[in-house]
PDB file of N, CA and C in Angstrom:
ATOM      1  N   UNK A   1       0.889  -1.281  -0.108  1.00  0.00           N
ATOM      2  CA  UNK A   1       0.053  -0.382   0.347  1.00  0.00           C
ATOM      3  C   UNK A   1       0.694   1.337  -0.261  1.00  0.00           C
ATOM      4  N   UNK A   2       0.432   2.145  -0.485  1.00  0.00           N
ATOM      5  CA  UNK A   2       0.981   3.788  -0.255  1.00  0.00           C
ATOM      6  C   UNK A   2       0.297   4.704  -0.239  1.00  0.00           C
ATOM      7  N   UNK A   3       0.994   5.543   0.700  1.00  0.00           N
ATOM      8  CA  UNK A   3       0.192   6.299   1.244  1.00  0.00           C
ATOM      9  C   UNK A   3       1.028   7.847   1.369  1.00  0.00           C
ATOM     10  N   UNK A   4       0.328   8.445   1.619  1.00  0.00           N
ATOM     11  CA  UNK A   4       0.750  10.328   0.906  1.00  0.00           C
ATOM     12  C   UNK A   4       0.602  11.119   2.140  1.00  0.00           C
ATOM     13  N   UNK A   5       1.110  12.040   2.552  1.00  0.00           N
ATOM     14  CA  UNK A   5       1.423  12.748   3.726  1.00  0.00           C
ATOM     15  C   UNK A   5       0.864  14.120   2.713  1.00  0.00           C
ATOM     16  N   UNK A   6       0.109  14.190   3.385  1.00  0.00           N
ATOM     17  CA  UNK A   6      -1.174  15.787   2.623  1.00  0.00           C
ATOM     18  C   UNK A   6      -0.635  17.114   3.288  1.00  0.00           C
ATOM     19  N   UNK A   7       0.935  17.180   3.713  1.00  0.00           N
ATOM     20  CA  UNK A   7       1.449  17.958   4.102  1.00  0.00           C
ATOM     21  C   UNK A   7       2.411  18.268   3.307  1.00  0.00           C
ATOM     22  N   UNK A   8       3.575  17.504   3.084  1.00  0.00           N
ATOM     23  CA  UNK A   8       4.629  17.677   2.327  1.00  0.00           C
ATOM     24  C   UNK A   8       4.375  16.830   0.844  1.00  0.00           C
ATOM     25  N   UNK A   9       3.397  15.661   0.927  1.00  0.00           N
ATOM     26  CA  UNK A   9       3.495  14.962   0.046  1.00  0.00           C
ATOM     27  C   UNK A   9       4.203  13.584  -0.621  1.00  0.00           C
ATOM     28  N   UNK A  10       4.978  13.392   0.683  1.00  0.00           N
ATOM     29  CA  UNK A  10       5.694  12.330   0.931  1.00  0.00           C
ATOM     30  C   UNK A  10       5.089  11.180   0.325  1.00  0.00           C
ATOM     31  N   UNK A  11       5.462   9.993  -0.051  1.00  0.00           N
ATOM     32  CA  UNK A  11       4.890   8.365  -0.436  1.00  0.00           C
ATOM     33  C   UNK A  11       5.452   7.444   0.235  1.00  0.00           C
ATOM     34  N   UNK A  12       4.844   7.072   1.414  1.00  0.00           N
ATOM     35  CA  UNK A  12       5.145   6.056   2.473  1.00  0.00           C
ATOM     36  C   UNK A  12       4.947   4.503   1.644  1.00  0.00           C
ATOM     37  N   UNK A  13       5.540   3.994   1.300  1.00  0.00           N
ATOM     38  CA  UNK A  13       5.351   2.167   1.290  1.00  0.00           C
ATOM     39  C   UNK A  13       5.275   1.209   2.842  1.00  0.00           C
ATOM     40  N   UNK A  14       3.992   0.723   2.747  1.00  0.00           N
ATOM     41  CA  UNK A  14       3.615  -0.705   3.786  1.00  0.00           C
ATOM     42  C   UNK A  14       2.072  -0.499   4.133  1.00  0.00           C
ATOM     43  N   UNK A  15       2.347  -1.392   5.049  1.00  0.00           N
ATOM     44  CA  UNK A  15       0.829  -1.843   5.332  1.00  0.00           C
ATOM     45  C   UNK A  15      -0.286  -1.242   6.487  1.00  0.00           C
ATOM     46  N   UNK A  16       0.791   0.026   6.802  1.00  0.00           N
ATOM     47  CA  UNK A  16      -0.090   1.368   7.541  1.00  0.00           C
ATOM     48  C   UNK A  16       0.963   2.743   6.887  1.00  0.00           C
ATOM     49  N   UNK A  17       0.374   3.602   7.812  1.00  0.00           N
ATOM     50  CA  UNK A  17       0.670   5.007   7.440  1.00  0.00           C
ATOM     51  C   UNK A  17       1.715   5.201   8.339  1.00  0.00           C
ATOM     52  N   UNK A  18       3.223   5.733   8.213  1.00  0.00           N
ATOM     53  CA  UNK A  18       4.249   5.153   9.050  1.00  0.00           C
ATOM     54  C   UNK A  18       3.580   6.644  10.521  1.00  0.00           C
ATOM     55  N   UNK A  19       4.313   6.495  11.621  1.00  0.00           N
ATOM     56  CA  UNK A  19       3.827   7.238  13.011  1.00  0.00           C
ATOM     57  C   UNK A  19       3.825   8.220  12.875  1.00  0.00           C
ATOM     58  N   UNK A  20       5.266   9.145  12.108  1.00  0.00           N
ATOM     59  CA  UNK A  20       5.353  10.340  11.523  1.00  0.00           C
ATOM     60  C   UNK A  20       5.799  10.468  10.762  1.00  0.00           C
ATOM     61  N   UNK A  21       5.597  11.807   9.627  1.00  0.00           N
ATOM     62  CA  UNK A  21       6.174  11.280   8.392  1.00  0.00           C
ATOM     63  C   UNK A  21       8.007  11.521   7.961  1.00  0.00           C
ATOM     64  N   UNK A  22       8.628  10.619   7.588  1.00  0.00           N
ATOM     65  CA  UNK A  22       9.684  10.743   7.206  1.00  0.00           C
ATOM     66  C   UNK A  22      10.734  12.190   7.046  1.00  0.00           C
ATOM     67  N   UNK A  23       9.655  12.776   6.158  1.00  0.00           N
ATOM     68  CA  UNK A  23      10.201  14.566   5.553  1.00  0.00           C
ATOM     69  C   UNK A  23      10.000  15.592   6.564  1.00  0.00           C
ATOM     70  N   UNK A  24       8.908  15.409   6.966  1.00  0.00           N
ATOM     71  CA  UNK A  24       8.401  16.885   7.425  1.00  0.00           C
ATOM     72  C   UNK A  24       7.559  16.090   9.210  1.00  0.00           C
ATOM     73  N   UNK A  25       7.924  15.263   9.313  1.00  0.00           N
ATOM     74  CA  UNK A  25       7.493  14.449  11.168  1.00  0.00           C
ATOM     75  C   UNK A  25       6.015  15.196  11.390  1.00  0.00           C
ATOM     76  N   UNK A  26       5.031  15.089  10.635  1.00  0.00           N
ATOM     77  CA  UNK A  26       3.328  15.368  10.632  1.00  0.00           C
ATOM     78  C   UNK A  26       3.292  13.824  11.319  1.00  0.00           C
ATOM     79  N   UNK A  27       2.576  13.777  12.400  1.00  0.00           N
ATOM     80  CA  UNK A  27       1.482  12.458  12.731  1.00  0.00           C
ATOM     81  C   UNK A  27       0.781  11.560  11.603  1.00  0.00           C
ATOM     82  N   UNK A  28       0.493  10.573  11.830  1.00  0.00           N
ATOM     83  CA  UNK A  28       0.310   9.650  10.360  1.00  0.00           C
ATOM     84  C   UNK A  28      -0.903   9.599  10.128  1.00  0.00           C
ATOM     85  N   UNK A  29      -2.092  10.585  11.496  1.00  0.00           N
ATOM     86  CA  UNK A  29      -3.388  11.245  10.489  1.00  0.00           C
ATOM     87  C   UNK A  29      -3.259  11.607   9.371  1.00  0.00           C
ATOM     88  N   UNK A  30      -2.053  12.235   9.481  1.00  0.00           N
ATOM     89  CA  UNK A  30      -1.839  12.805   8.179  1.00  0.00           C
ATOM     90  C   UNK A  30      -1.451  12.675   6.960  1.00  0.00           C
ATOM     91  N   UNK A  31      -1.915  10.865   6.799  1.00  0.00           N
ATOM     92  CA  UNK A  31      -1.451  10.369   5.870  1.00  0.00           C
ATOM     93  C   UNK A  31      -2.431  10.082   5.033  1.00  0.00           C
ATOM     94  N   UNK A  32      -2.935   9.648   3.810  1.00  0.00           N
ATOM     95  CA  UNK A  32      -4.181   9.114   3.468  1.00  0.00           C
ATOM     96  C   UNK A  32      -3.284   8.025   2.177  1.00  0.00           C
ATOM     97  N   UNK A  33      -4.658   6.850   2.336  1.00  0.00           N
ATOM     98  CA  UNK A  33      -3.839   5.857   1.616  1.00  0.00           C
ATOM     99  C   UNK A  33      -4.133   6.510  -0.027  1.00  0.00           C
ATOM    100  N   UNK A  34      -3.514   5.871  -1.071  1.00  0.00           N
ATOM    101  CA  UNK A  34      -3.538   6.106  -1.821  1.00  0.00           C
ATOM    102  C   UNK A  34      -4.287   5.270  -2.709  1.00  0.00           C
ATOM    103  N   UNK A  35      -4.981   5.650  -3.436  1.00  0.00           N
ATOM    104  CA  UNK A  35      -6.190   4.438  -4.384  1.00  0.00           C
ATOM    105  C   UNK A  35      -5.063   3.703  -5.749  1.00  0.00           C
ATOM    106  N   UNK A  36      -5.910   2.839  -5.826  1.00  0.00           N
ATOM    107  CA  UNK A  36      -4.751   1.594  -6.421  1.00  0.00           C
ATOM    108  C   UNK A  36      -4.812   2.736  -7.750  1.00  0.00           C
ATOM    109  N   UNK A  37      -5.485   3.119  -8.388  1.00  0.00           N
ATOM    110  CA  UNK A  37      -4.911   3.755  -9.671  1.00  0.00           C
ATOM    111  C   UNK A  37      -4.015   4.732  -9.509  1.00  0.00           C
ATOM    112  N   UNK A  38      -4.135   5.863  -8.579  1.00  0.00           N
ATOM    113  CA  UNK A  38      -3.280   6.760  -8.086  1.00  0.00           C
ATOM    114  C   UNK A  38      -1.556   5.923  -7.411  1.00  0.00           C
ATOM    115  N   UNK A  39      -1.899   4.723  -7.001  1.00  0.00           N
ATOM    116  CA  UNK A  39      -0.592   3.898  -6.370  1.00  0.00           C
ATOM    117  C   UNK A  39       0.107   3.167  -7.653  1.00  0.00           C
ATOM    118  N   UNK A  40      -0.411   2.764  -8.489  1.00  0.00           N
ATOM    119  CA  UNK A  40      -0.097   2.157 -10.152  1.00  0.00           C
ATOM    120  C   UNK A  40       0.376   3.435 -10.802  1.00  0.00           C
ATOM    121  N   UNK A  41       0.237   4.428 -10.867  1.00  0.00           N
ATOM    122  CA  UNK A  41       0.812   5.566 -11.379  1.00  0.00           C
ATOM    123  C   UNK A  41       2.342   5.775 -11.362  1.00  0.00           C
ATOM    124  N   UNK A  42       2.429   5.896  -9.609  1.00  0.00           N
ATOM    125  CA  UNK A  42       3.518   5.599  -9.061  1.00  0.00           C
ATOM    126  C   UNK A  42       4.481   4.773  -9.036  1.00  0.00           C
ATOM    127  N   UNK A  43       3.916   3.616  -9.143  1.00  0.00           N
ATOM    128  CA  UNK A  43       4.684   2.307  -9.373  1.00  0.00           C
ATOM    129  C   UNK A  43       5.312   2.536 -10.400  1.00  0.00           C
ATOM    130  N   UNK A  44       4.300   2.650 -11.652  1.00  0.00           N
ATOM    131  CA  UNK A  44       4.597   2.412 -13.098  1.00  0.00           C
ATOM    132  C   UNK A  44       5.492   3.156 -13.420  1.00  0.00           C
ATOM    133  N   UNK A  45       5.456   4.649 -13.375  1.00  0.00           N
ATOM    134  CA  UNK A  45       6.764   5.352 -13.342  1.00  0.00           C
ATOM    135  C   UNK A  45       7.687   5.576 -12.369  1.00  0.00           C
ATOM    136  N   UNK A  46       8.371   4.763 -11.979  1.00  0.00           N
ATOM    137  CA  UNK A  46       9.637   4.660 -11.181  1.00  0.00           C
ATOM    138  C   UNK A  46      10.608   4.470 -11.805  1.00  0.00           C
ATOM    139  N   UNK A  47      10.651   3.333 -12.582  1.00  0.00           N
ATOM    140  CA  UNK A  47      11.537   3.344 -13.777  1.00  0.00           C
ATOM    141  C   UNK A  47      11.651   4.096 -14.803  1.00  0.00           C
ATOM    142  N   UNK A  48      11.040   4.329 -15.671  1.00  0.00           N
ATOM    143  CA  UNK A  48      11.275   5.932 -16.181  1.00  0.00           C
ATOM    144  C   UNK A  48      11.663   6.977 -15.922  1.00  0.00           C
ATOM    145  N   UNK A  49      11.258   7.481 -14.558  1.00  0.00           N
ATOM    146  CA  UNK A  49      11.769   8.386 -13.756  1.00  0.00           C
ATOM    147  C   UNK A  49      13.434   7.956 -13.515  1.00  0.00           C
ATOM    148  N   UNK A  50      13.692   6.649 -13.366  1.00  0.00           N
ATOM    149  CA  UNK A  50      15.120   6.558 -13.011  1.00  0.00           C
ATOM    150  C   UNK A  50      15.600   6.507 -14.438  1.00  0.00           C
ATOM    151  N   UNK A  51      15.282   6.308 -15.385  1.00  0.00           N
ATOM    152  CA  UNK A  51      15.885   6.012 -16.622  1.00  0.00           C
ATOM    153  C   UNK A  51      16.041   7.443 -17.104  1.00  0.00           C
ATOM    154  N   UNK A  52      15.284   8.852 -16.521  1.00  0.00           N
ATOM    155  CA  UNK A  52      15.552  10.103 -16.987  1.00  0.00           C
ATOM    156  C   UNK A  52      16.284  10.939 -15.982  1.00  0.00           C
ATOM    157  N   UNK A  53      16.703  10.429 -14.709  1.00  0.00           N
ATOM    158  CA  UNK A  53      17.732  10.386 -14.138  1.00  0.00           C
ATOM    159  C   UNK A  53      18.849  10.316 -14.275  1.00  0.00           C
ATOM    160  N   UNK A  54      19.049   8.925 -14.791  1.00  0.00           N
ATOM    161  CA  UNK A  54      20.539   8.713 -15.803  1.00  0.00           C
ATOM    162  C   UNK A  54      20.954   9.460 -16.853  1.00  0.00           C
ATOM    163  N   UNK A  55      19.890   9.887 -17.772  1.00  0.00           N
ATOM    164  CA  UNK A  55      19.898   9.834 -19.212  1.00  0.00           C
ATOM    165  C   UNK A  55      20.625  11.796 -18.903  1.00  0.00           C
ATOM    166  N   UNK A  56      19.572  11.943 -17.862  1.00  0.00           N
ATOM    167  CA  UNK A  56      20.347  13.853 -17.079  1.00  0.00           C
ATOM    168  C   UNK A  56      22.000  13.344 -16.702  1.00  0.00           C
ATOM    169  N   UNK A  57      22.186  12.350 -15.955  1.00  0.00           N
ATOM    170  CA  UNK A  57      23.547  12.335 -15.494  1.00  0.00           C
ATOM    171  C   UNK A  57      24.755  12.082 -16.863  1.00  0.00           C
ATOM    172  N   UNK A  58      24.060  11.039 -18.207  1.00  0.00           N
ATOM    173  CA  UNK A  58      24.984  10.827 -19.091  1.00  0.00           C
ATOM    174  C   UNK A  58      25.148  12.314 -19.408  1.00  0.00           C
ATOM    175  N   UNK A  59      23.872  13.193 -20.239  1.00  0.00           N
ATOM    176  CA  UNK A  59      24.261  14.502 -20.707  1.00  0.00           C
ATOM    177  C   UNK A  59      24.883  15.221 -20.138  1.00  0.00           C
ATOM    178  N   UNK A  60      25.275  15.427 -18.633  1.00  0.00           N
ATOM    179  CA  UNK A  60      26.351  15.827 -17.923  1.00  0.00           C
ATOM    180  C   UNK A  60      27.211  15.711 -18.116  1.00  0.00           C
ATOM    181  N   UNK A  61      27.457  14.728 -18.560  1.00  0.00           N
ATOM    182  CA  UNK A  61      28.624  13.861 -18.729  1.00  0.00           C
ATOM    183  C   UNK A  61      29.619  14.501 -20.232  1.00  0.00           C
ATOM    184  N   UNK A  62      28.471  14.252 -21.060  1.00  0.00           N
ATOM    185  CA  UNK A  62      28.393  14.475 -22.546  1.00  0.00           C
ATOM    186  C   UNK A  62      29.104  16.068 -22.420  1.00  0.00           C
ATOM    187  N   UNK A  63      28.640  16.603 -21.678  1.00  0.00           N
ATOM    188  CA  UNK A  63      28.787  18.326 -21.716  1.00  0.00           C
ATOM    189  C   UNK A  63      30.204  18.306 -21.347  1.00  0.00           C
ATOM    190  N   UNK A  64      30.601  18.051 -20.288  1.00  0.00           N
ATOM    191  CA  UNK A  64      32.005  17.730 -20.082  1.00  0.00           C
ATOM    192  C   UNK A  64      33.176  17.686 -21.141  1.00  0.00           C
ATOM    193  N   UNK A  65      32.473  16.131 -21.366  1.00  0.00           N
ATOM    194  CA  UNK A  65      33.174  15.605 -22.691  1.00  0.00           C
ATOM    195  C   UNK A  65      33.955  16.708 -23.869  1.00  0.00           C
ATOM    196  N   UNK A  66      32.556  17.065 -24.309  1.00  0.00           N
ATOM    197  CA  UNK A  66      32.433  18.320 -25.331  1.00  0.00           C
ATOM    198  C   UNK A  66      33.448  19.802 -24.923  1.00  0.00           C
ATOM    199  N   UNK A  67      32.857  20.103 -23.864  1.00  0.00           N
ATOM    200  CA  UNK A  67      33.770  21.163 -23.148  1.00  0.00           C
ATOM    201  C   UNK A  67      35.507  20.893 -23.516  1.00  0.00           C
ATOM    202  N   UNK A  68      35.441  19.518 -22.893  1.00  0.00           N
ATOM    203  CA  UNK A  68      37.655  18.998 -23.223  1.00  0.00           C
ATOM    204  C   UNK A  68      38.098  19.126 -24.350  1.00  0.00           C
ATOM    205  N   UNK A  69      36.635  18.684 -25.353  1.00  0.00           N
ATOM    206  CA  UNK A  69      37.073  18.717 -26.723  1.00  0.00           C
ATOM    207  C   UNK A  69      37.499  20.158 -27.134  1.00  0.00           C
ATOM    208  N   UNK A  70      36.352  20.843 -26.650  1.00  0.00           N
ATOM    209  CA  UNK A  70      36.324  22.349 -27.351  1.00  0.00           C
ATOM    210  C   UNK A  70      37.535  23.074 -26.689  1.00  0.00           C
ATOM    211  N   UNK A  71      38.072  22.810 -25.786  1.00  0.00           N
ATOM    212  CA  UNK A  71      39.283  23.540 -24.883  1.00  0.00           C
ATOM    213  C   UNK A  71      40.395  22.780 -26.139  1.00  0.00           C
ATOM    214  N   UNK A  72      40.959  21.724 -26.589  1.00  0.00           N
ATOM    215  CA  UNK A  72      41.500  20.851 -27.454  1.00  0.00           C
ATOM    216  C   UNK A  72      42.010  22.006 -28.819  1.00  0.00           C
ATOM    217  N   UNK A  73      40.924  21.974 -28.902  1.00  0.00           N
ATOM    218  CA  UNK A  73      40.454  23.121 -30.439  1.00  0.00           C
ATOM    219  C   UNK A  73      41.039  22.619 -31.540  1.00  0.00           C
ATOM    220  N   UNK A  74      41.370  21.264 -31.733  1.00  0.00           N
ATOM    221  CA  UNK A  74      42.308  20.313 -32.693  1.00  0.00           C
ATOM    222  C   UNK A  74      42.373  20.989 -34.302  1.00  0.00           C
ATOM    223  N   UNK A  75      41.493  21.619 -34.044  1.00  0.00           N
ATOM    224  CA  UNK A  75      40.671  22.451 -35.766  1.00  0.00           C
ATOM    225  C   UNK A  75      39.101  22.598 -36.000  1.00  0.00           C
ATOM    226  N   UNK A  76      38.865  23.552 -36.565  1.00  0.00           N
ATOM    227  CA  UNK A  76      37.342  24.155 -36.617  1.00  0.00           C
ATOM    228  C   UNK A  76      36.238  23.664 -36.492  1.00  0.00           C
ATOM    229  N   UNK A  77      36.273  22.014 -37.578  1.00  0.00           N
ATOM    230  CA  UNK A  77      34.961  21.059 -37.944  1.00  0.00           C
ATOM    231  C   UNK A  77      34.779  20.675 -36.018  1.00  0.00           C
ATOM    232  N   UNK A  78      36.442  20.539 -35.836  1.00  0.00           N
ATOM    233  CA  UNK A  78      36.114  18.953 -34.795  1.00  0.00           C
ATOM    234  C   UNK A  78      35.391  19.612 -33.631  1.00  0.00           C
ATOM    235  N   UNK A  79      35.946  21.496 -33.413  1.00  0.00           N
ATOM    236  CA  UNK A  79      34.794  22.245 -32.095  1.00  0.00           C
ATOM    237  C   UNK A  79      33.599  22.734 -32.824  1.00  0.00           C
ATOM    238  N   UNK A  80      33.457  22.558 -33.674  1.00  0.00           N
ATOM    239  CA  UNK A  80      31.811  22.780 -34.528  1.00  0.00           C
ATOM    240  C   UNK A  80      30.922  21.486 -33.854  1.00  0.00           C
ATOM    241  N   UNK A  81      31.665  20.031 -33.661  1.00  0.00           N
ATOM    242  CA  UNK A  81      30.999  18.889 -33.419  1.00  0.00           C
ATOM    243  C   UNK A  81      30.813  19.148 -31.973  1.00  0.00           C
ATOM    244  N   UNK A  82      32.044  19.282 -31.168  1.00  0.00           N
ATOM    245  CA  UNK A  82      32.180  19.377 -29.957  1.00  0.00           C
ATOM    246  C   UNK A  82      31.049  20.553 -29.352  1.00  0.00           C
ATOM    247  N   UNK A  83      30.739  21.320 -29.962  1.00  0.00           N
ATOM    248  CA  UNK A  83      29.950  22.165 -29.509  1.00  0.00           C
ATOM    249  C   UNK A  83      28.354  21.584 -29.603  1.00  0.00           C
ATOM    250  N   UNK A  84      28.387  21.427 -30.979  1.00  0.00           N
ATOM    251  CA  UNK A  84      26.615  20.952 -31.253  1.00  0.00           C
ATOM    252  C   UNK A  84      26.726  19.758 -29.694  1.00  0.00           C
ATOM    253  N   UNK A  85      27.329  19.404 -29.625  1.00  0.00           N
ATOM    254  CA  UNK A  85      27.498  17.983 -28.841  1.00  0.00           C
ATOM    255  C   UNK A  85      26.829  18.401 -27.747  1.00  0.00           C
ATOM    256  N   UNK A  86      27.691  19.839 -27.014  1.00  0.00           N
ATOM    257  CA  UNK A  86      27.220  20.300 -25.985  1.00  0.00           C
ATOM    258  C   UNK A  86      25.920  21.134 -25.621  1.00  0.00           C
ATOM    259  N   UNK A  87      25.532  21.292 -27.179  1.00  0.00           N
ATOM    260  CA  UNK A  87      24.344  22.002 -27.118  1.00  0.00           C
ATOM    261  C   UNK A  87      23.348  20.914 -26.851  1.00  0.00           C
ATOM    262  N   UNK A  88      23.362  19.845 -27.749  1.00  0.00           N
ATOM    263  CA  UNK A  88      22.135  18.566 -27.693  1.00  0.00           C
ATOM    264  C   UNK A  88      22.281  18.332 -26.614  1.00  0.00           C
ATOM    265  N   UNK A  89      23.224  18.084 -25.590  1.00  0.00           N
ATOM    266  CA  UNK A  89      23.350  17.565 -24.069  1.00  0.00           C
ATOM    267  C   UNK A  89      22.621  18.394 -23.462  1.00  0.00           C
ATOM    268  N   UNK A  90      22.421  19.635 -23.402  1.00  0.00           N
ATOM    269  CA  UNK A  90      21.981  20.606 -22.550  1.00  0.00           C
ATOM    270  C   UNK A  90      20.241  20.439 -23.122  1.00  0.00           C
ATOM    271  N   UNK A  91      20.044  20.429 -24.406  1.00  0.00           N
ATOM    272  CA  UNK A  91      18.674  19.761 -24.499  1.00  0.00           C
ATOM    273  C   UNK A  91      18.297  18.528 -24.376  1.00  0.00           C
ATOM    274  N   UNK A  92      19.207  17.625 -24.407  1.00  0.00           N
ATOM    275  CA  UNK A  92      18.524  15.964 -23.273  1.00  0.00           C
ATOM    276  C   UNK A  92      18.579  16.262 -21.954  1.00  0.00           C
ATOM    277  N   UNK A  93      19.327  17.031 -21.364  1.00  0.00           N
ATOM    278  CA  UNK A  93      18.995  17.119 -20.041  1.00  0.00           C
ATOM    279  C   UNK A  93      17.811  17.975 -19.730  1.00  0.00           C
ATOM    280  N   UNK A  94      17.556  19.087 -19.621  1.00  0.00           N
ATOM    281  CA  UNK A  94      16.189  19.636 -20.354  1.00  0.00           C
ATOM    282  C   UNK A  94      14.833  19.045 -20.684  1.00  0.00           C
ATOM    283  N   UNK A  95      15.107  18.435 -21.555  1.00  0.00           N
ATOM    284  CA  UNK A  95      13.991  17.294 -22.093  1.00  0.00           C
ATOM    285  C   UNK A  95      13.867  16.402 -20.972  1.00  0.00           C
ATOM    286  N   UNK A  96      14.243  15.819 -20.299  1.00  0.00           N
ATOM    287  CA  UNK A  96      14.469  14.844 -19.389  1.00  0.00           C
ATOM    288  C   UNK A  96      13.917  15.519 -18.006  1.00  0.00           C
ATOM    289  N   UNK A  97      14.511  16.598 -17.475  1.00  0.00           N
ATOM    290  CA  UNK A  97      14.152  17.209 -16.568  1.00  0.00           C
ATOM    291  C   UNK A  97      12.265  17.628 -16.640  1.00  0.00           C
ATOM    292  N   UNK A  98      12.494  17.615 -17.655  1.00  0.00           N
ATOM    293  CA  UNK A  98      10.823  18.473 -17.925  1.00  0.00           C
ATOM    294  C   UNK A  98       9.978  17.442 -17.807  1.00  0.00           C
ATOM    295  N   UNK A  99      10.236  16.255 -18.566  1.00  0.00           N
ATOM    296  CA  UNK A  99       9.531  14.643 -18.113  1.00  0.00           C
ATOM    297  C   UNK A  99       9.001  14.359 -16.919  1.00  0.00           C
ATOM    298  N   UNK A 100      10.243  14.507 -16.033  1.00  0.00           N
ATOM    299  CA  UNK A 100       9.897  13.977 -14.254  1.00  0.00           C
ATOM    300  C   UNK A 100       9.038  15.475 -14.166  1.00  0.00           C
ATOM    301  N   UNK A 101       9.306  16.863 -14.302  1.00  0.00           N
ATOM    302  CA  UNK A 101       8.444  17.386 -13.116  1.00  0.00           C
ATOM    303  C   UNK A 101       7.154  17.024 -13.517  1.00  0.00           C
ATOM    304  N   UNK A 102       6.596  16.704 -15.228  1.00  0.00           N
ATOM    305  CA  UNK A 102       5.706  16.627 -15.837  1.00  0.00           C
ATOM    306  C   UNK A 102       4.899  15.045 -15.234  1.00  0.00           C
ATOM    307  N   UNK A 103       5.938  14.270 -14.987  1.00  0.00           N
ATOM    308  CA  UNK A 103       5.283  13.111 -13.815  1.00  0.00           C
ATOM    309  C   UNK A 103       4.902  13.608 -12.576  1.00  0.00           C
ATOM    310  N   UNK A 104       5.889  14.190 -12.410  1.00  0.00           N
ATOM    311  CA  UNK A 104       5.287  14.920 -10.714  1.00  0.00           C
ATOM    312  C   UNK A 104       4.060  15.519 -10.709  1.00  0.00           C
ATOM    313  N   UNK A 105       3.766  16.599 -11.654  1.00  0.00           N
ATOM    314  CA  UNK A 105       2.717  17.262 -11.874  1.00  0.00           C
ATOM    315  C   UNK A 105       1.205  16.323 -11.868  1.00  0.00           C
ATOM    316  N   UNK A 106       1.321  15.514 -12.484  1.00  0.00           N
ATOM    317  CA  UNK A 106       0.296  14.547 -12.743  1.00  0.00           C
ATOM    318  C   UNK A 106       0.263  13.087 -11.800  1.00  0.00           C
ATOM    319  N   UNK A 107       1.198  13.355 -10.069  1.00  0.00           N
ATOM    320  CA  UNK A 107       0.703  12.755  -9.268  1.00  0.00           C
ATOM    321  C   UNK A 107       1.508  10.942  -9.814  1.00  0.00           C
ATOM    322  N   UNK A 108       2.681  10.992 -10.771  1.00  0.00           N
ATOM    323  CA  UNK A 108       3.476   9.983 -10.811  1.00  0.00           C
ATOM    324  C   UNK A 108       4.869  10.550 -10.648  1.00  0.00           C
ATOM    325  N   UNK A 109       5.459   9.871  -9.399  1.00  0.00           N
ATOM    326  CA  UNK A 109       6.641  10.115  -8.622  1.00  0.00           C
ATOM    327  C   UNK A 109       7.398   9.117  -8.141  1.00  0.00           C
TER     328      UNK A 109
END
């Protein structure tokens, strides 16, 4: 069963609500049991959110590598390729961040 804190939105998994919220410390009566539909949204989105977080990490690494290549500045075409990779990494990062935010807004986090 999944339980949601009505104060901070923390999601707790267990047979009963916790005695106090692990995030904001309010008592258990501030938790509500999520419907099966709401719980399934959260469960189903867990893996895709993890994948988005991995893509964000990879995009950050890609950006650092592209910056290193730009610093070497072997030639103009190589520099342009690294510059495009840097820009595209930023787009990938923001796209995944936006999708995670969208999931959270729809109760899928």
